N, C-alpha and C. Protein backbone atom coordinates (compact mmCIF):
# COMPACT_ATOMS: atom_id res chain seq x y z
N UNK A 1 -28.84 93.73 12.63
CA UNK A 1 -29.02 92.41 12.72
C UNK A 1 -29.34 91.94 11.79
N UNK A 2 -28.62 90.63 11.45
CA UNK A 2 -29.07 89.94 9.53
C UNK A 2 -29.88 88.79 10.69
N UNK A 3 -31.24 88.66 9.73
CA UNK A 3 -31.58 87.12 10.18
C UNK A 3 -31.91 85.95 8.52
N UNK A 4 -31.96 84.70 8.71
CA UNK A 4 -31.82 84.12 8.02
C UNK A 4 -33.06 83.56 8.15
N UNK A 5 -33.71 83.85 6.29
CA UNK A 5 -35.37 83.35 6.10
C UNK A 5 -34.98 82.45 5.55
N UNK A 6 -36.14 81.70 6.64
CA UNK A 6 -37.07 79.95 5.13
C UNK A 6 -38.26 80.59 4.22
N UNK A 7 -38.78 80.63 3.25
CA UNK A 7 -39.36 80.55 2.80
C UNK A 7 -40.18 78.75 2.43
N UNK A 8 -40.90 78.70 3.48
CA UNK A 8 -42.03 77.16 3.62
C UNK A 8 -43.35 76.84 3.05
N UNK A 9 -43.94 76.08 2.55
CA UNK A 9 -45.46 75.81 2.87
C UNK A 9 -45.55 75.59 3.86
N UNK A 10 -47.02 75.33 4.63
CA UNK A 10 -47.66 74.69 5.43
C UNK A 10 -48.88 73.92 4.63
N UNK A 11 -48.94 72.56 5.01
CA UNK A 11 -50.56 71.26 4.70
C UNK A 11 -51.05 71.20 6.28
N UNK A 12 -52.20 71.55 5.82
CA UNK A 12 -52.88 71.28 6.74
C UNK A 12 -53.52 69.84 6.62
N UNK A 13 -54.47 68.66 6.84
CA UNK A 13 -54.99 68.07 5.89
C UNK A 13 -56.06 67.60 6.75
N UNK A 14 -57.31 66.93 6.89
CA UNK A 14 -58.40 66.90 8.10
C UNK A 14 -58.28 65.16 7.53
N UNK A 15 -58.56 64.56 8.14
CA UNK A 15 -58.85 62.94 7.57
C UNK A 15 -59.98 62.44 8.01
N UNK A 16 -60.34 61.84 8.13
CA UNK A 16 -61.99 61.78 8.84
C UNK A 16 -61.51 59.83 9.37
N UNK A 17 -61.86 59.76 11.32
CA UNK A 17 -62.48 59.00 11.77
C UNK A 17 -62.45 58.18 11.07
N UNK A 18 -64.34 58.48 10.81
CA UNK A 18 -65.23 57.36 10.43
C UNK A 18 -65.11 57.26 9.39
N UNK A 19 -65.65 56.52 8.53
CA UNK A 19 -66.70 56.05 7.15
C UNK A 19 -68.07 56.41 6.88
N UNK A 20 -68.11 57.23 5.94
CA UNK A 20 -69.78 57.25 5.78
C UNK A 20 -70.57 56.48 6.74
N UNK A 21 -70.99 55.56 6.66
CA UNK A 21 -72.01 55.36 7.59
C UNK A 21 -71.16 54.84 9.44
N UNK A 22 -70.23 55.79 9.78
CA UNK A 22 -69.77 56.38 11.13
C UNK A 22 -69.11 54.87 11.76
N UNK A 23 -69.10 53.91 11.25
CA UNK A 23 -68.22 52.24 11.40
C UNK A 23 -66.49 53.88 11.63
N UNK A 24 -65.46 53.77 12.66
CA UNK A 24 -64.38 54.19 12.65
C UNK A 24 -63.26 53.20 12.07
N UNK A 25 -62.39 53.84 11.39
CA UNK A 25 -61.50 53.68 10.77
C UNK A 25 -60.89 53.06 11.15
N UNK A 26 -59.40 51.56 11.21
CA UNK A 26 -59.32 50.77 10.88
C UNK A 26 -57.39 51.99 11.94
N UNK A 27 -57.07 51.84 13.24
CA UNK A 27 -55.96 52.62 13.29
C UNK A 27 -55.49 53.20 12.49
N UNK A 28 -54.52 51.95 12.32
CA UNK A 28 -54.12 51.21 10.80
C UNK A 28 -53.35 52.66 9.72
N UNK A 29 -55.34 52.24 9.38
CA UNK A 29 -55.30 53.46 8.28
C UNK A 29 -55.38 54.93 7.70
N UNK A 30 -55.70 55.14 9.47
CA UNK A 30 -54.96 57.17 9.43
C UNK A 30 -53.54 56.80 10.23
N UNK A 31 -53.07 56.11 10.74
CA UNK A 31 -52.08 55.66 10.83
C UNK A 31 -50.58 55.43 9.35
N UNK A 32 -51.70 55.29 8.11
CA UNK A 32 -50.13 55.41 6.96
C UNK A 32 -50.71 56.83 6.91
N UNK A 33 -51.27 57.06 6.27
CA UNK A 33 -51.56 59.15 6.86
C UNK A 33 -49.82 59.95 6.56
N UNK A 34 -49.68 59.39 8.59
CA UNK A 34 -48.60 60.05 8.79
C UNK A 34 -47.34 59.64 8.54
N UNK A 35 -47.86 58.21 7.95
CA UNK A 35 -46.13 57.29 7.34
C UNK A 35 -45.98 57.77 6.07
N UNK A 36 -46.96 58.15 5.32
CA UNK A 36 -46.94 59.29 4.16
C UNK A 36 -46.15 60.12 4.29
N UNK A 37 -46.86 60.99 4.71
CA UNK A 37 -45.95 61.90 4.61
C UNK A 37 -44.70 62.17 5.89
N UNK A 38 -44.21 61.76 6.74
CA UNK A 38 -43.22 61.53 6.48
C UNK A 38 -41.93 60.88 6.22
N UNK A 39 -42.67 59.92 5.10
CA UNK A 39 -41.42 59.09 3.34
C UNK A 39 -41.35 60.12 3.14
N UNK A 40 -42.51 61.39 2.75
CA UNK A 40 -42.64 62.51 1.32
C UNK A 40 -41.52 63.73 1.88
N UNK A 41 -41.83 63.99 3.18
CA UNK A 41 -41.08 65.21 3.52
C UNK A 41 -40.64 66.20 5.31
N UNK A 42 -40.39 64.00 5.41
CA UNK A 42 -39.50 64.09 6.61
C UNK A 42 -40.55 63.60 7.84
N UNK A 43 -41.61 64.45 8.07
CA UNK A 43 -41.59 64.83 9.12
C UNK A 43 -43.52 64.95 9.20
N UNK A 44 -43.80 65.32 9.95
CA UNK A 44 -45.21 66.27 10.32
C UNK A 44 -45.97 66.32 11.65
N UNK A 45 -46.72 66.64 11.88
CA UNK A 45 -47.52 66.76 12.78
C UNK A 45 -49.23 66.92 13.22
N UNK A 46 -49.62 65.63 14.43
CA UNK A 46 -51.03 65.44 13.89
C UNK A 46 -51.05 65.53 15.65
N UNK A 47 -52.32 65.74 16.37
CA UNK A 47 -52.85 66.46 16.57
C UNK A 47 -54.07 65.19 17.83
N UNK A 48 -53.43 63.70 17.47
CA UNK A 48 -54.96 62.58 18.38
C UNK A 48 -55.78 62.92 19.69
N UNK A 49 -54.71 63.57 20.69
CA UNK A 49 -56.34 63.49 21.15
C UNK A 49 -56.74 65.10 21.08
N UNK A 50 -57.16 65.70 19.97
CA UNK A 50 -57.64 66.63 19.77
C UNK A 50 -58.48 66.78 18.41
N UNK A 51 -59.35 66.53 18.31
CA UNK A 51 -60.17 65.99 17.27
C UNK A 51 -61.09 67.10 16.68
N UNK A 52 -61.65 66.68 15.22
CA UNK A 52 -61.95 68.40 15.35
C UNK A 52 -63.20 67.74 14.63
N UNK A 53 -64.44 68.68 14.73
CA UNK A 53 -65.48 68.31 14.07
C UNK A 53 -65.91 68.60 13.11
N UNK A 54 -66.31 68.14 11.91
CA UNK A 54 -66.54 68.73 10.59
C UNK A 54 -67.75 68.57 10.40
N UNK A 55 -68.50 69.99 10.23
CA UNK A 55 -69.89 70.07 9.89
C UNK A 55 -70.12 70.82 7.88
N UNK A 56 -70.99 70.08 7.71
CA UNK A 56 -70.86 70.84 6.05
C UNK A 56 -72.47 69.86 5.43
N UNK A 57 -72.71 70.77 4.67
CA UNK A 57 -74.07 70.30 4.04
C UNK A 57 -74.46 69.84 2.14
N UNK A 58 -74.75 68.66 2.22
CA UNK A 58 -74.74 68.58 0.59
C UNK A 58 -76.45 67.47 0.29
N UNK A 59 -76.48 67.85 -1.23
CA UNK A 59 -77.41 67.28 -1.28
C UNK A 59 -78.57 67.79 0.09
N UNK A 60 -78.94 69.31 0.65
CA UNK A 60 -80.04 69.62 1.48
C UNK A 60 -79.85 68.86 2.59
N UNK A 61 -78.52 67.46 3.53
CA UNK A 61 -79.02 67.13 3.97
C UNK A 61 -77.42 67.42 4.85
N UNK A 62 -77.30 67.74 6.52
CA UNK A 62 -76.79 68.14 7.28
C UNK A 62 -75.25 66.87 7.90
N UNK A 63 -74.56 66.34 7.44
CA UNK A 63 -73.38 66.48 7.55
C UNK A 63 -72.42 66.53 9.36
N UNK A 64 -72.09 65.28 9.35
CA UNK A 64 -71.12 66.43 11.15
C UNK A 64 -70.47 64.98 10.76
N UNK A 65 -68.94 65.17 11.38
CA UNK A 65 -67.52 63.93 10.73
C UNK A 65 -65.94 64.57 12.04
N UNK A 66 -66.19 62.99 12.73
CA UNK A 66 -64.78 63.37 13.48
C UNK A 66 -64.05 63.18 12.14
N UNK A 67 -62.52 64.52 12.35
CA UNK A 67 -61.75 64.44 11.51
C UNK A 67 -60.08 64.50 12.75
N UNK A 68 -59.17 64.05 11.73
CA UNK A 68 -57.56 64.00 12.82
C UNK A 68 -56.96 65.45 11.73
N UNK A 69 -56.39 66.37 12.64
CA UNK A 69 -55.94 66.92 11.91
C UNK A 69 -54.49 66.97 10.71
N UNK A 70 -52.88 66.35 10.40
CA UNK A 70 -52.59 66.58 10.00
C UNK A 70 -51.23 67.52 9.79
N UNK A 71 -49.93 68.46 10.62
CA UNK A 71 -49.97 69.38 9.84
C UNK A 71 -48.11 68.75 9.24
N UNK A 72 -47.67 69.91 7.99
CA UNK A 72 -46.54 69.63 7.31
C UNK A 72 -46.06 71.11 7.37
N UNK A 73 -44.52 71.15 7.78
CA UNK A 73 -44.18 72.72 7.16
C UNK A 73 -43.19 71.80 5.76
N UNK A 74 -42.91 72.69 4.84
CA UNK A 74 -42.23 71.83 4.32
C UNK A 74 -41.12 73.42 3.15
N UNK A 75 -40.20 72.62 2.16
CA UNK A 75 -40.09 73.57 1.56
C UNK A 75 -40.71 74.51 0.60
N UNK A 76 -41.22 76.06 0.27
CA UNK A 76 -41.55 76.40 -1.34
C UNK A 76 -41.72 75.56 -2.14
N UNK A 77 -42.43 74.74 -3.17
CA UNK A 77 -41.70 74.69 -4.55
C UNK A 77 -42.98 74.21 -4.45
N UNK A 78 -42.92 73.66 -6.79
CA UNK A 78 -43.73 73.40 -7.22
C UNK A 78 -44.41 72.26 -6.78
N UNK A 79 -43.11 71.23 -6.76
CA UNK A 79 -43.00 70.08 -6.31
C UNK A 79 -43.54 69.26 -5.10
N UNK A 80 -43.85 69.87 -3.98
CA UNK A 80 -43.94 69.52 -2.70
C UNK A 80 -45.77 70.12 -3.42
N UNK A 81 -45.94 71.18 -3.53
CA UNK A 81 -47.55 71.62 -4.04
C UNK A 81 -48.04 69.85 -5.12
N UNK A 82 -47.36 70.42 -6.50
CA UNK A 82 -48.13 68.75 -6.73
C UNK A 82 -47.19 67.28 -5.84
N UNK A 83 -47.42 67.42 -5.50
CA UNK A 83 -47.28 66.09 -4.69
C UNK A 83 -48.06 66.26 -4.08
N UNK A 84 -48.35 66.60 -4.09
CA UNK A 84 -49.66 67.59 -1.79
C UNK A 84 -51.29 67.10 -3.04
N UNK A 85 -51.23 67.39 -3.71
CA UNK A 85 -52.62 68.41 -4.60
C UNK A 85 -52.66 66.25 -5.11
N UNK A 86 -51.28 65.50 -5.21
CA UNK A 86 -52.43 64.22 -5.93
C UNK A 86 -52.67 62.95 -4.70
N UNK A 87 -51.77 63.51 -4.08
CA UNK A 87 -51.54 62.79 -2.35
C UNK A 87 -53.85 63.20 -2.22
N UNK A 88 -53.51 64.42 -2.31
CA UNK A 88 -55.24 64.42 -1.44
C UNK A 88 -56.61 63.73 -3.05
N UNK A 89 -55.84 63.29 -4.46
CA UNK A 89 -56.84 62.41 -4.96
C UNK A 89 -56.58 61.75 -4.27
N UNK A 90 -55.50 60.41 -3.83
CA UNK A 90 -55.42 59.37 -3.77
C UNK A 90 -56.24 59.07 -2.28
N UNK A 91 -55.94 60.13 -1.69
CA UNK A 91 -57.25 59.95 0.00
C UNK A 91 -58.14 60.07 0.18
N UNK A 92 -59.15 60.49 -1.26
CA UNK A 92 -60.25 60.75 -1.18
C UNK A 92 -60.47 59.32 -1.98
N UNK A 93 -60.11 58.64 -3.00
CA UNK A 93 -61.12 57.06 -3.17
C UNK A 93 -59.95 56.12 -2.44
N UNK A 94 -59.01 57.04 -1.04
CA UNK A 94 -58.71 55.38 -0.09
C UNK A 94 -60.12 55.17 1.31
N UNK A 95 -60.09 57.05 1.43
CA UNK A 95 -61.31 57.13 2.57
C UNK A 95 -62.78 56.97 1.98
N UNK A 96 -62.50 56.79 0.22
CA UNK A 96 -64.28 57.10 0.14
C UNK A 96 -64.82 58.10 0.45
N UNK A 97 -64.52 59.70 0.43
CA UNK A 97 -64.71 61.39 0.70
C UNK A 97 -65.14 61.82 -0.31
N UNK A 98 -65.92 62.35 -0.38
CA UNK A 98 -66.01 63.21 -1.77
C UNK A 98 -65.16 64.08 -1.54
N UNK A 99 -64.37 64.86 -0.77
CA UNK A 99 -63.00 65.60 -0.58
C UNK A 99 -62.39 65.49 0.90
N UNK A 100 -60.84 65.46 0.30
CA UNK A 100 -60.22 66.05 1.78
C UNK A 100 -59.79 67.83 1.54
N UNK A 101 -60.33 67.36 3.21
CA UNK A 101 -59.25 69.21 2.75
C UNK A 101 -58.31 69.26 3.61
N UNK A 102 -58.02 70.23 2.85
CA UNK A 102 -56.51 69.84 2.42
C UNK A 102 -55.94 71.70 2.20
N UNK A 103 -54.95 72.48 3.45
CA UNK A 103 -55.25 73.51 2.94
C UNK A 103 -53.57 73.95 2.54
N UNK A 104 -53.30 74.86 2.28
CA UNK A 104 -51.91 75.66 2.07
C UNK A 104 -51.67 76.68 2.08
N UNK A 105 -50.48 77.12 3.89
CA UNK A 105 -49.88 78.63 3.75
C UNK A 105 -48.58 78.49 3.51
N UNK A 106 -48.88 80.28 3.02
CA UNK A 106 -46.89 80.48 2.86
C UNK A 106 -46.92 80.81 4.30
N UNK A 107 -45.37 80.39 4.59
CA UNK A 107 -44.42 81.11 6.24
C UNK A 107 -43.52 81.12 5.81
N UNK A 108 -42.81 82.33 6.92
CA UNK A 108 -41.42 82.86 7.08
C UNK A 108 -40.53 81.84 7.92
N UNK A 109 -40.03 81.50 7.45
CA UNK A 109 -39.35 81.30 9.24
C UNK A 109 -38.02 81.60 9.15
N UNK A 110 -37.65 82.24 9.68
CA UNK A 110 -36.79 82.71 11.06
C UNK A 110 -35.90 81.78 11.41
């Protein structure tokens, strides 16, 4: 049996639901993340009813924040990686964060 396989990247982005003082971001700001991913990659997944809780320590202070997971699967290319690295920097500025979690995995699609 012959298989038709595709090599892809899966990007996972965790976007904060509130600013550093705990004030929720307007939903329209969070929706713009999905809009940007759709424009660039043609689609994305989001889990708005299952937010994640991020926990980390910075300068001796433990932080907790609600996060929303966006996932994108796209053909594997340096162009996609470059775009996502640039987008991560833009999100850090837009959401006033020290870091925005972006993970990439390699996939083999059948």
